[in-house]
N, C-alpha and C. Protein backbone atom coordinates (compact mmCIF):
# COMPACT_ATOMS: atom_id res chain seq x y z
N UNK A 1 0.83 -1.19 0.00
CA UNK A 1 0.00 0.00 0.00
C UNK A 1 0.87 1.25 0.00
N UNK A 2 1.94 1.24 0.82
CA UNK A 2 2.81 2.41 0.87
C UNK A 2 3.50 2.63 -0.48
N UNK A 3 3.88 1.56 -1.15
CA UNK A 3 4.48 1.70 -2.47
C UNK A 3 3.48 2.30 -3.46
N UNK A 4 2.24 1.87 -3.38
CA UNK A 4 1.21 2.44 -4.26
C UNK A 4 1.01 3.93 -3.98
N UNK A 5 1.00 4.30 -2.71
CA UNK A 5 0.88 5.72 -2.36
C UNK A 5 2.04 6.52 -2.91
N UNK A 6 3.25 5.96 -2.76
CA UNK A 6 4.44 6.65 -3.25
C UNK A 6 4.36 6.85 -4.76
N UNK A 7 3.95 5.83 -5.49
CA UNK A 7 3.83 5.95 -6.95
C UNK A 7 2.75 6.96 -7.34
N UNK A 8 1.67 7.00 -6.59
CA UNK A 8 0.60 7.95 -6.87
C UNK A 8 1.09 9.38 -6.66
N UNK A 9 1.84 9.61 -5.60
CA UNK A 9 2.41 10.94 -5.34
C UNK A 9 3.33 11.34 -6.49
N UNK A 10 4.13 10.40 -6.97
CA UNK A 10 5.02 10.70 -8.10
C UNK A 10 4.23 11.10 -9.33
N UNK A 11 3.15 10.39 -9.62
CA UNK A 11 2.34 10.70 -10.79
C UNK A 11 1.68 12.07 -10.64
N UNK A 12 1.14 12.36 -9.47
CA UNK A 12 0.51 13.66 -9.23
C UNK A 12 1.52 14.78 -9.43
N UNK A 13 2.75 14.57 -8.96
CA UNK A 13 3.79 15.59 -9.10
C UNK A 13 4.14 15.81 -10.56
N UNK A 14 4.25 14.74 -11.34
CA UNK A 14 4.58 14.86 -12.76
C UNK A 14 3.46 15.56 -13.52
N UNK A 15 2.22 15.18 -13.25
CA UNK A 15 1.08 15.79 -13.92
C UNK A 15 1.01 17.28 -13.57
N UNK A 16 1.26 17.62 -12.31
CA UNK A 16 1.27 19.03 -11.89
C UNK A 16 2.29 19.82 -12.69
N UNK A 17 3.50 19.30 -12.79
CA UNK A 17 4.55 20.01 -13.53
C UNK A 17 4.18 20.17 -14.99
N UNK A 18 3.60 19.15 -15.57
CA UNK A 18 3.22 19.22 -16.98
C UNK A 18 2.11 20.24 -17.21
N UNK A 19 1.11 20.26 -16.33
CA UNK A 19 -0.03 21.17 -16.51
C UNK A 19 0.31 22.60 -16.13
N UNK A 20 1.11 22.79 -15.08
CA UNK A 20 1.41 24.13 -14.61
C UNK A 20 2.57 24.77 -15.36
N UNK A 21 3.37 23.97 -15.98
CA UNK A 21 4.53 24.48 -16.70
C UNK A 21 5.71 24.64 -15.78
N UNK A 22 6.79 24.01 -16.12
CA UNK A 22 7.98 24.06 -15.27
C UNK A 22 8.56 25.46 -15.16
N UNK A 23 8.47 26.22 -16.24
CA UNK A 23 9.12 27.53 -16.24
C UNK A 23 8.39 28.55 -15.39
N UNK A 24 7.12 28.36 -15.13
CA UNK A 24 6.37 29.37 -14.37
C UNK A 24 6.77 29.41 -12.91
N UNK A 25 7.08 28.26 -12.34
CA UNK A 25 7.48 28.20 -10.94
C UNK A 25 6.34 28.41 -9.96
N UNK A 26 5.14 28.63 -10.45
CA UNK A 26 3.98 28.83 -9.58
C UNK A 26 2.95 27.75 -9.86
N UNK A 27 2.16 27.46 -8.85
CA UNK A 27 1.07 26.51 -9.00
C UNK A 27 -0.17 27.26 -9.45
N UNK A 28 -0.93 26.64 -10.33
CA UNK A 28 -2.18 27.26 -10.74
C UNK A 28 -3.23 27.00 -9.67
N UNK A 29 -4.36 27.69 -9.77
CA UNK A 29 -5.44 27.49 -8.81
C UNK A 29 -6.00 26.07 -8.91
N UNK A 30 -5.83 25.41 -10.07
CA UNK A 30 -6.35 24.05 -10.26
C UNK A 30 -5.30 23.00 -9.91
N UNK A 31 -4.27 23.39 -9.23
CA UNK A 31 -3.18 22.50 -8.89
C UNK A 31 -3.65 21.34 -8.03
N UNK A 32 -2.93 20.26 -8.13
CA UNK A 32 -3.23 19.08 -7.31
C UNK A 32 -2.45 19.11 -6.00
N UNK A 33 -2.05 20.30 -5.56
CA UNK A 33 -1.25 20.44 -4.35
C UNK A 33 -1.92 19.86 -3.12
N UNK A 34 -3.22 20.03 -3.00
CA UNK A 34 -3.92 19.50 -1.83
C UNK A 34 -3.94 17.97 -1.86
N UNK A 35 -4.15 17.42 -3.04
CA UNK A 35 -4.15 15.96 -3.17
C UNK A 35 -2.78 15.42 -2.81
N UNK A 36 -1.74 16.06 -3.33
CA UNK A 36 -0.38 15.62 -3.02
C UNK A 36 -0.11 15.73 -1.52
N UNK A 37 -0.57 16.80 -0.91
CA UNK A 37 -0.38 16.97 0.53
C UNK A 37 -1.06 15.85 1.31
N UNK A 38 -2.28 15.50 0.91
CA UNK A 38 -2.99 14.39 1.56
C UNK A 38 -2.26 13.07 1.38
N UNK A 39 -1.82 12.81 0.16
CA UNK A 39 -1.11 11.56 -0.11
C UNK A 39 0.22 11.51 0.64
N UNK A 40 0.93 12.64 0.67
CA UNK A 40 2.17 12.70 1.44
C UNK A 40 1.91 12.44 2.93
N UNK A 41 0.81 13.00 3.44
CA UNK A 41 0.46 12.76 4.84
C UNK A 41 0.16 11.30 5.12
N UNK A 42 -0.55 10.65 4.21
CA UNK A 42 -0.86 9.23 4.36
C UNK A 42 0.42 8.40 4.29
N UNK A 43 1.30 8.75 3.37
CA UNK A 43 2.57 8.04 3.23
C UNK A 43 3.42 8.21 4.49
N UNK A 44 3.46 9.42 4.99
CA UNK A 44 4.21 9.70 6.21
C UNK A 44 3.66 8.91 7.40
N UNK A 45 2.34 8.87 7.53
CA UNK A 45 1.71 8.11 8.62
C UNK A 45 2.03 6.63 8.51
N UNK A 46 1.96 6.11 7.31
CA UNK A 46 2.26 4.68 7.11
C UNK A 46 3.69 4.34 7.43
N UNK A 47 4.62 5.18 7.00
CA UNK A 47 6.03 4.93 7.30
C UNK A 47 6.30 5.04 8.80
N UNK A 48 5.72 6.06 9.42
CA UNK A 48 5.94 6.26 10.86
C UNK A 48 5.37 5.09 11.67
N UNK A 49 4.22 4.58 11.25
CA UNK A 49 3.58 3.48 11.98
C UNK A 49 4.39 2.19 11.92
N UNK A 50 5.28 2.09 10.94
CA UNK A 50 6.14 0.90 10.82
C UNK A 50 7.53 1.11 11.41
N UNK A 51 7.80 2.30 11.90
CA UNK A 51 9.13 2.64 12.39
C UNK A 51 9.25 2.30 13.88
N UNK A 52 10.17 1.41 14.20
CA UNK A 52 10.34 0.96 15.59
C UNK A 52 10.84 2.08 16.51
N UNK A 53 11.53 3.08 15.93
CA UNK A 53 11.99 4.20 16.75
C UNK A 53 10.82 5.06 17.21
N UNK A 54 9.80 5.16 16.36
CA UNK A 54 8.62 5.97 16.69
C UNK A 54 7.62 5.15 17.49
N UNK A 55 7.43 3.89 17.10
CA UNK A 55 6.48 2.99 17.77
C UNK A 55 7.26 1.76 18.25
N UNK A 56 7.93 1.85 19.40
CA UNK A 56 8.73 0.72 19.88
C UNK A 56 7.90 -0.53 20.19
N UNK A 57 6.61 -0.35 20.38
CA UNK A 57 5.74 -1.51 20.66
C UNK A 57 5.73 -2.52 19.51
N UNK A 58 6.14 -2.09 18.34
CA UNK A 58 6.18 -2.99 17.17
C UNK A 58 7.08 -4.18 17.45
N UNK A 59 8.10 -3.98 18.27
CA UNK A 59 9.04 -5.06 18.58
C UNK A 59 8.33 -6.28 19.18
N UNK A 60 7.20 -6.05 19.83
CA UNK A 60 6.44 -7.16 20.41
C UNK A 60 5.95 -8.13 19.34
N UNK A 61 5.78 -7.64 18.12
CA UNK A 61 5.27 -8.47 17.04
C UNK A 61 6.35 -9.33 16.38
N UNK A 62 7.62 -8.99 16.60
CA UNK A 62 8.72 -9.69 15.94
C UNK A 62 8.73 -11.19 16.25
N UNK A 63 8.39 -11.55 17.45
CA UNK A 63 8.45 -12.97 17.82
C UNK A 63 7.43 -13.83 17.06
N UNK A 64 6.46 -13.21 16.44
CA UNK A 64 5.45 -13.97 15.70
C UNK A 64 5.81 -14.11 14.22
N UNK A 65 6.86 -13.42 13.79
CA UNK A 65 7.31 -13.52 12.40
C UNK A 65 6.31 -12.92 11.43
N UNK A 66 6.67 -12.97 10.15
CA UNK A 66 5.79 -12.37 9.15
C UNK A 66 4.59 -13.25 8.83
N UNK A 67 4.68 -14.53 9.11
CA UNK A 67 3.56 -15.44 8.82
C UNK A 67 2.66 -15.70 10.02
N UNK A 68 3.15 -15.39 11.22
CA UNK A 68 2.39 -15.69 12.42
C UNK A 68 1.39 -14.59 12.74
N UNK A 69 0.37 -14.96 13.47
CA UNK A 69 -0.63 -14.01 13.90
C UNK A 69 -0.50 -13.81 15.40
N UNK A 70 -0.24 -12.59 15.84
CA UNK A 70 -0.10 -12.36 17.28
C UNK A 70 -1.46 -12.45 17.97
N UNK A 71 -1.45 -12.66 19.26
CA UNK A 71 -2.72 -12.65 20.00
C UNK A 71 -3.40 -11.28 19.85
N UNK A 72 -4.71 -11.30 19.89
CA UNK A 72 -5.49 -10.07 19.69
C UNK A 72 -5.08 -8.97 20.66
N UNK A 73 -4.82 -9.31 21.89
CA UNK A 73 -4.42 -8.31 22.88
C UNK A 73 -3.14 -7.59 22.50
N UNK A 74 -2.15 -8.34 22.03
CA UNK A 74 -0.87 -7.76 21.62
C UNK A 74 -1.09 -6.88 20.38
N UNK A 75 -1.83 -7.40 19.42
CA UNK A 75 -2.10 -6.64 18.19
C UNK A 75 -2.84 -5.34 18.51
N UNK A 76 -3.77 -5.39 19.43
CA UNK A 76 -4.53 -4.20 19.80
C UNK A 76 -3.64 -3.14 20.45
N UNK A 77 -2.74 -3.59 21.33
CA UNK A 77 -1.83 -2.66 22.01
C UNK A 77 -0.91 -1.99 20.99
N UNK A 78 -0.37 -2.77 20.08
CA UNK A 78 0.54 -2.23 19.06
C UNK A 78 -0.21 -1.28 18.12
N UNK A 79 -1.42 -1.67 17.72
CA UNK A 79 -2.21 -0.82 16.83
C UNK A 79 -2.54 0.52 17.50
N UNK A 80 -2.92 0.49 18.76
CA UNK A 80 -3.24 1.73 19.48
C UNK A 80 -2.01 2.61 19.62
N UNK A 81 -0.87 1.99 19.90
CA UNK A 81 0.38 2.76 20.01
C UNK A 81 0.73 3.40 18.67
N UNK A 82 0.55 2.67 17.58
CA UNK A 82 0.84 3.21 16.24
C UNK A 82 -0.07 4.41 15.93
N UNK A 83 -1.32 4.29 16.30
CA UNK A 83 -2.26 5.40 16.07
C UNK A 83 -1.84 6.63 16.86
N UNK A 84 -1.55 6.44 18.14
CA UNK A 84 -1.21 7.56 19.01
C UNK A 84 0.14 8.19 18.69
N UNK A 85 1.14 7.36 18.38
CA UNK A 85 2.50 7.87 18.22
C UNK A 85 2.88 8.20 16.78
N UNK A 86 2.18 7.63 15.81
CA UNK A 86 2.58 7.82 14.42
C UNK A 86 1.47 8.43 13.56
N UNK A 87 0.30 7.83 13.59
CA UNK A 87 -0.77 8.26 12.69
C UNK A 87 -1.33 9.62 13.10
N UNK A 88 -1.68 9.77 14.36
CA UNK A 88 -2.29 11.03 14.81
C UNK A 88 -1.37 12.23 14.57
N UNK A 89 -0.08 12.16 14.93
CA UNK A 89 0.80 13.30 14.63
C UNK A 89 0.92 13.59 13.13
N UNK A 90 0.90 12.56 12.31
CA UNK A 90 0.96 12.76 10.86
C UNK A 90 -0.30 13.44 10.35
N UNK A 91 -1.44 13.05 10.89
CA UNK A 91 -2.70 13.66 10.50
C UNK A 91 -2.72 15.14 10.92
N UNK A 92 -2.29 15.42 12.12
CA UNK A 92 -2.26 16.80 12.60
C UNK A 92 -1.34 17.66 11.74
N UNK A 93 -0.20 17.12 11.36
CA UNK A 93 0.73 17.84 10.50
C UNK A 93 0.11 18.11 9.13
N UNK A 94 -0.55 17.11 8.59
CA UNK A 94 -1.20 17.25 7.28
C UNK A 94 -2.30 18.31 7.33
N UNK A 95 -3.10 18.27 8.37
CA UNK A 95 -4.18 19.26 8.52
C UNK A 95 -3.59 20.67 8.63
N UNK A 96 -2.49 20.80 9.35
CA UNK A 96 -1.84 22.11 9.49
C UNK A 96 -1.34 22.61 8.13
N UNK A 97 -0.76 21.70 7.33
CA UNK A 97 -0.28 22.10 5.99
C UNK A 97 -1.45 22.49 5.10
N UNK A 98 -2.54 21.76 5.16
CA UNK A 98 -3.72 22.09 4.36
C UNK A 98 -4.31 23.43 4.78
N UNK A 99 -4.37 23.67 6.08
CA UNK A 99 -4.89 24.94 6.59
C UNK A 99 -4.01 26.09 6.11
N UNK A 100 -2.71 25.89 6.15
CA UNK A 100 -1.79 26.93 5.68
C UNK A 100 -1.99 27.19 4.19
N UNK A 101 -2.24 26.14 3.42
CA UNK A 101 -2.49 26.32 1.99
C UNK A 101 -3.76 27.12 1.76
N UNK A 102 -4.77 26.85 2.55
CA UNK A 102 -6.06 27.53 2.40
C UNK A 102 -5.97 29.00 2.77
N UNK A 103 -5.12 29.33 3.71
CA UNK A 103 -5.09 30.70 4.22
C UNK A 103 -4.03 31.57 3.55
N UNK A 104 -3.20 31.01 2.70
CA UNK A 104 -2.11 31.78 2.09
C UNK A 104 -2.65 33.00 1.35
N UNK A 105 -3.71 32.83 0.57
CA UNK A 105 -4.27 33.96 -0.17
C UNK A 105 -4.86 35.01 0.77
N UNK A 106 -5.51 34.56 1.85
CA UNK A 106 -6.07 35.50 2.82
C UNK A 106 -4.97 36.32 3.49
N UNK A 107 -3.87 35.69 3.81
CA UNK A 107 -2.75 36.38 4.45
C UNK A 107 -2.17 37.43 3.49
N UNK A 108 -1.98 37.02 2.25
CA UNK A 108 -1.44 37.95 1.25
C UNK A 108 -2.37 39.14 1.07
N UNK A 109 -3.65 38.87 0.98
CA UNK A 109 -4.63 39.94 0.80
C UNK A 109 -4.64 40.89 2.00
N UNK A 110 -4.62 40.33 3.19
CA UNK A 110 -4.62 41.15 4.40
C UNK A 110 -3.39 42.05 4.44
N UNK A 111 -2.23 41.50 4.16
CA UNK A 111 -0.99 42.28 4.18
C UNK A 111 -1.01 43.38 3.11
N UNK A 112 -1.54 43.05 1.93
CA UNK A 112 -1.62 44.06 0.87
C UNK A 112 -2.53 45.21 1.28
N UNK A 113 -3.67 44.88 1.87
CA UNK A 113 -4.60 45.92 2.29
C UNK A 113 -3.96 46.84 3.33
N UNK A 114 -3.31 46.27 4.30
CA UNK A 114 -2.69 47.07 5.36
C UNK A 114 -1.55 47.91 4.80
N UNK A 115 -0.75 47.33 3.90
CA UNK A 115 0.34 48.10 3.29
C UNK A 115 -0.18 49.24 2.43
N UNK A 116 -1.32 49.04 1.76
CA UNK A 116 -1.92 50.11 0.98
C UNK A 116 -2.39 51.26 1.89
N UNK A 117 -2.98 50.89 3.01
CA UNK A 117 -3.43 51.91 3.97
C UNK A 117 -2.22 52.66 4.52
N UNK A 118 -1.17 51.93 4.87
CA UNK A 118 0.04 52.57 5.40
C UNK A 118 0.64 53.50 4.36
N UNK A 119 0.66 53.08 3.11
CA UNK A 119 1.21 53.93 2.03
C UNK A 119 0.37 55.18 1.83
N UNK A 120 -0.94 55.05 1.95
CA UNK A 120 -1.82 56.22 1.75
C UNK A 120 -1.66 57.24 2.88
N UNK A 121 -1.24 56.79 4.05
CA UNK A 121 -1.04 57.69 5.18
C UNK A 121 0.37 58.28 5.21
N UNK A 122 1.19 57.79 4.31
CA UNK A 122 2.60 58.17 4.28
C UNK A 122 2.76 59.65 3.91
N UNK A 123 3.38 60.41 4.82
CA UNK A 123 3.66 61.82 4.55
C UNK A 123 5.11 62.00 4.10
N UNK A 124 6.01 61.29 4.73
CA UNK A 124 7.42 61.33 4.31
C UNK A 124 8.00 59.94 4.45
N UNK A 125 9.15 59.73 3.87
CA UNK A 125 9.71 58.37 3.80
C UNK A 125 10.07 57.82 5.18
N UNK A 126 10.55 58.68 6.09
CA UNK A 126 10.93 58.20 7.42
C UNK A 126 9.70 57.74 8.19
N UNK A 127 8.64 58.54 8.20
CA UNK A 127 7.41 58.16 8.89
C UNK A 127 6.74 56.98 8.18
N UNK A 128 6.84 56.95 6.86
CA UNK A 128 6.25 55.86 6.09
C UNK A 128 6.87 54.53 6.42
N UNK A 129 8.19 54.48 6.55
CA UNK A 129 8.85 53.21 6.87
C UNK A 129 8.53 52.79 8.31
N UNK A 130 8.44 53.77 9.22
CA UNK A 130 8.05 53.45 10.60
C UNK A 130 6.62 52.94 10.65
N UNK A 131 5.75 53.58 9.88
CA UNK A 131 4.34 53.17 9.83
C UNK A 131 4.20 51.77 9.25
N UNK A 132 4.94 51.48 8.20
CA UNK A 132 4.91 50.15 7.59
C UNK A 132 5.44 49.10 8.57
N UNK A 133 6.51 49.44 9.28
CA UNK A 133 7.07 48.51 10.27
C UNK A 133 6.06 48.23 11.38
N UNK A 134 5.41 49.29 11.87
CA UNK A 134 4.39 49.11 12.91
C UNK A 134 3.22 48.27 12.40
N UNK A 135 2.82 48.51 11.17
CA UNK A 135 1.71 47.75 10.59
C UNK A 135 2.08 46.27 10.50
N UNK A 136 3.30 45.98 10.07
CA UNK A 136 3.74 44.58 9.98
C UNK A 136 3.81 43.92 11.34
N UNK A 137 4.24 44.68 12.35
CA UNK A 137 4.27 44.13 13.72
C UNK A 137 2.86 43.82 14.21
N UNK A 138 1.92 44.70 13.89
CA UNK A 138 0.53 44.48 14.29
C UNK A 138 -0.10 43.31 13.54
N UNK A 139 0.38 43.03 12.34
CA UNK A 139 -0.17 41.93 11.54
C UNK A 139 0.37 40.57 11.96
N UNK A 140 1.44 40.56 12.75
CA UNK A 140 2.08 39.28 13.09
C UNK A 140 1.11 38.29 13.75
N UNK A 141 0.45 38.71 14.80
CA UNK A 141 -0.45 37.81 15.52
C UNK A 141 -1.64 37.37 14.66
N UNK A 142 -2.33 38.29 13.96
CA UNK A 142 -3.42 37.83 13.09
C UNK A 142 -2.95 36.86 12.00
N UNK A 143 -1.73 37.07 11.50
CA UNK A 143 -1.19 36.17 10.48
C UNK A 143 -1.01 34.76 11.05
N UNK A 144 -0.50 34.68 12.26
CA UNK A 144 -0.33 33.38 12.92
C UNK A 144 -1.69 32.71 13.11
N UNK A 145 -2.67 33.49 13.58
CA UNK A 145 -4.01 32.94 13.79
C UNK A 145 -4.63 32.46 12.48
N UNK A 146 -4.40 33.19 11.41
CA UNK A 146 -4.91 32.76 10.10
C UNK A 146 -4.27 31.45 9.68
N UNK A 147 -2.94 31.37 9.81
CA UNK A 147 -2.23 30.15 9.43
C UNK A 147 -2.72 28.93 10.21
N UNK A 148 -3.05 29.15 11.46
CA UNK A 148 -3.50 28.05 12.31
C UNK A 148 -4.99 27.76 12.15
N UNK A 149 -5.66 28.55 11.31
CA UNK A 149 -7.09 28.34 11.10
C UNK A 149 -7.95 28.82 12.25
N UNK A 150 -7.41 29.70 13.08
CA UNK A 150 -8.14 30.19 14.25
C UNK A 150 -8.78 31.56 14.02
N UNK A 151 -8.65 32.09 12.80
CA UNK A 151 -9.24 33.37 12.45
C UNK A 151 -10.00 33.16 11.15
N UNK A 152 -11.29 33.45 11.19
CA UNK A 152 -12.12 33.22 10.00
C UNK A 152 -12.02 34.37 9.02
N UNK A 153 -12.51 34.14 7.81
CA UNK A 153 -12.49 35.18 6.78
C UNK A 153 -13.29 36.41 7.24
N UNK A 154 -14.41 36.18 7.91
CA UNK A 154 -15.22 37.32 8.35
C UNK A 154 -14.48 38.12 9.44
N UNK A 155 -13.67 37.45 10.23
CA UNK A 155 -12.94 38.14 11.28
C UNK A 155 -11.74 38.93 10.73
N UNK A 156 -11.31 38.60 9.52
CA UNK A 156 -10.20 39.32 8.89
C UNK A 156 -10.53 40.79 8.75
N UNK A 157 -11.77 41.07 8.36
CA UNK A 157 -12.18 42.46 8.16
C UNK A 157 -12.06 43.27 9.45
N UNK A 158 -12.27 42.62 10.61
CA UNK A 158 -12.15 43.31 11.88
C UNK A 158 -10.71 43.68 12.19
N UNK A 159 -9.78 42.90 11.65
CA UNK A 159 -8.36 43.17 11.89
C UNK A 159 -8.00 44.47 11.20
């Protein structure tokens, strides 16, 4: 299954490059970036769940070999450990990346609006640069909240 996921990610990447054009360096709005992010997250979770350094409980299964079936209790303990130590962190990371992808345009738009306001208030270059610096400092926290998905589009206007 992991090999199939890996091959699918490779195909999505190749198709993206072909459709978006290598020379542009930018992804189009129809990009498969979200699909690739999901597939990468699934691949990461699968690899982590098989890694003894991340899920040391896997070692309990070694005594049963590849053909043996461990007792249900042992299998349940190992499966729960894999979910908690490998799968859940991978899912959280993937969700964070997807949220960041969704909010990138909102962040850019917010920063542009604030910079336009700062420029319109600019009387001289020294005050203008101070005003822009202050505006960027004030935008720091809302930008973080946007990236984390804790600030909605409607709340952006209040900022």
